[in-house]
């Protein structure tokens, strides 16, 4: 099986920064697209940012210019640099990856979620 291990969440003041990290491990053969989603209380889960293996990116309008997604293909890791954080960024953030296991099975894998709380 494939696992996504996340780190970097926590409590931060408005205007502050956090860097989320997500590393894939397990019976991996390859990883295609990776991304970050978030879900705030009472709201639907939404795409925050995504990145392809080749480095093409896509961002939600609400985070454009403030967040940056990147990846290290050699380490099977995706990052989310979060700057100028706002109260409305408070949510559980989930890492997502489209993978191929060594068995040849295609899997969409989710991380366990990491809580980001923006509060003064």
Protein backbone atom coordinates (compact mmCIF):
# COMPACT_ATOMS: atom_id res chain seq x y z
CA UNK A 1 0.00 0.00 0.00
CA UNK A 2 0.92 3.65 -0.38
CA UNK A 3 0.92 6.18 2.44
CA UNK A 4 1.12 9.96 2.55
CA UNK A 5 2.78 11.43 5.62
CA UNK A 6 2.05 15.11 6.29
CA UNK A 7 3.73 17.63 8.56
CA UNK A 8 3.87 21.36 9.16
CA UNK A 9 0.40 22.24 10.38
CA UNK A 10 -0.21 24.21 13.54
CA UNK A 11 -1.28 27.53 15.01
CA UNK A 12 -0.19 30.75 13.34
CA UNK A 13 -1.13 34.43 13.60
CA UNK A 14 -2.78 36.32 10.74
CA UNK A 15 -0.13 37.44 8.28
CA UNK A 16 2.17 34.63 9.30
CA UNK A 17 3.53 31.71 7.31
CA UNK A 18 3.54 27.92 7.40
CA UNK A 19 5.09 25.29 5.18
CA UNK A 20 3.29 22.00 4.77
CA UNK A 21 5.10 18.88 3.64
CA UNK A 22 3.75 15.56 2.36
CA UNK A 23 5.91 12.55 1.58
CA UNK A 24 4.68 9.45 -0.20
CA UNK A 25 6.00 6.04 0.79
CA UNK A 26 5.21 2.36 0.39
CA UNK A 27 4.90 0.14 -2.66
CA UNK A 28 5.23 3.01 -5.11
CA UNK A 29 6.11 2.75 -8.75
CA UNK A 30 5.33 6.31 -9.78
CA UNK A 31 3.44 9.44 -8.78
CA UNK A 32 1.63 11.60 -11.26
CA UNK A 33 -0.26 14.66 -10.02
CA UNK A 34 -0.10 15.77 -6.40
CA UNK A 35 -2.13 18.39 -4.61
CA UNK A 36 -3.46 19.98 -1.47
CA UNK A 37 -7.10 20.23 -0.47
CA UNK A 38 -8.67 21.82 2.57
CA UNK A 39 -11.92 21.58 4.46
CA UNK A 40 -13.14 24.21 6.90
CA UNK A 41 -15.90 23.51 9.45
CA UNK A 42 -19.28 23.45 7.74
CA UNK A 43 -17.78 23.74 4.28
CA UNK A 44 -17.09 21.36 1.42
CA UNK A 45 -13.58 20.14 0.74
CA UNK A 46 -11.92 22.27 -1.92
CA UNK A 47 -8.82 22.12 -4.05
CA UNK A 48 -6.15 24.54 -2.86
CA UNK A 49 -3.31 23.79 -5.26
CA UNK A 50 -2.15 21.03 -7.58
CA UNK A 51 1.03 20.21 -9.43
CA UNK A 52 1.85 17.74 -12.18
CA UNK A 53 4.99 15.66 -12.44
CA UNK A 54 6.29 18.15 -14.98
CA UNK A 55 5.73 21.11 -12.67
CA UNK A 56 2.56 22.64 -14.08
CA UNK A 57 0.54 24.22 -11.26
CA UNK A 58 -3.01 25.29 -10.53
CA UNK A 59 -4.32 27.36 -7.61
CA UNK A 60 -7.62 28.30 -6.10
CA UNK A 61 -8.35 31.99 -6.63
CA UNK A 62 -8.51 32.53 -2.88
CA UNK A 63 -4.86 31.57 -2.38
CA UNK A 64 -3.30 32.79 -5.60
CA UNK A 65 -0.32 35.02 -4.90
CA UNK A 66 -0.06 33.84 -1.30
CA UNK A 67 0.49 30.07 -1.52
CA UNK A 68 3.06 28.20 -3.58
CA UNK A 69 3.02 24.48 -4.34
CA UNK A 70 6.20 22.63 -5.27
CA UNK A 71 7.49 19.07 -5.38
CA UNK A 72 10.67 17.06 -5.13
CA UNK A 73 10.21 14.11 -7.44
CA UNK A 74 13.34 12.36 -6.19
CA UNK A 75 11.90 12.31 -2.66
CA UNK A 76 8.25 11.78 -3.64
CA UNK A 77 7.38 14.89 -1.67
CA UNK A 78 5.05 17.83 -2.24
CA UNK A 79 5.14 21.12 -0.34
CA UNK A 80 2.77 23.99 0.24
CA UNK A 81 4.31 27.30 1.26
CA UNK A 82 1.58 29.40 2.86
CA UNK A 83 2.27 33.11 3.29
CA UNK A 84 0.13 36.06 4.39
CA UNK A 85 -2.25 33.70 6.13
CA UNK A 86 -5.79 34.86 6.81
CA UNK A 87 -8.42 33.76 9.31
CA UNK A 88 -10.38 32.14 6.49
CA UNK A 89 -7.43 29.86 5.71
CA UNK A 90 -8.21 27.92 8.89
CA UNK A 91 -9.01 24.36 7.84
CA UNK A 92 -7.86 20.78 7.82
CA UNK A 93 -5.44 20.44 4.92
CA UNK A 94 -5.20 17.14 3.06
CA UNK A 95 -2.45 15.93 0.78
CA UNK A 96 -3.53 14.04 -2.32
CA UNK A 97 -1.60 12.01 -4.86
CA UNK A 98 -2.38 9.98 -7.95
CA UNK A 99 -0.08 6.98 -7.82
CA UNK A 100 0.79 3.70 -9.47
CA UNK A 101 1.78 0.86 -7.16
CA UNK A 102 4.51 -1.59 -8.07
CA UNK A 103 1.72 -4.06 -8.81
CA UNK A 104 0.49 -1.77 -11.56
CA UNK A 105 -2.64 -0.70 -9.68
CA UNK A 106 -3.64 2.95 -9.98
CA UNK A 107 -4.52 4.57 -6.67
CA UNK A 108 -5.73 7.92 -5.49
CA UNK A 109 -4.22 8.36 -2.04
CA UNK A 110 -5.09 10.84 0.70
CA UNK A 111 -3.12 11.95 3.70
CA UNK A 112 -4.57 11.90 7.19
CA UNK A 113 -5.07 15.66 7.26
CA UNK A 114 -3.23 18.33 9.20
CA UNK A 115 -4.94 21.20 11.00
CA UNK A 116 -3.98 24.77 10.21
CA UNK A 117 -5.40 27.33 12.61
CA UNK A 118 -4.99 31.03 11.90
CA UNK A 119 -5.84 33.05 14.98
CA UNK A 120 -4.69 36.15 16.83
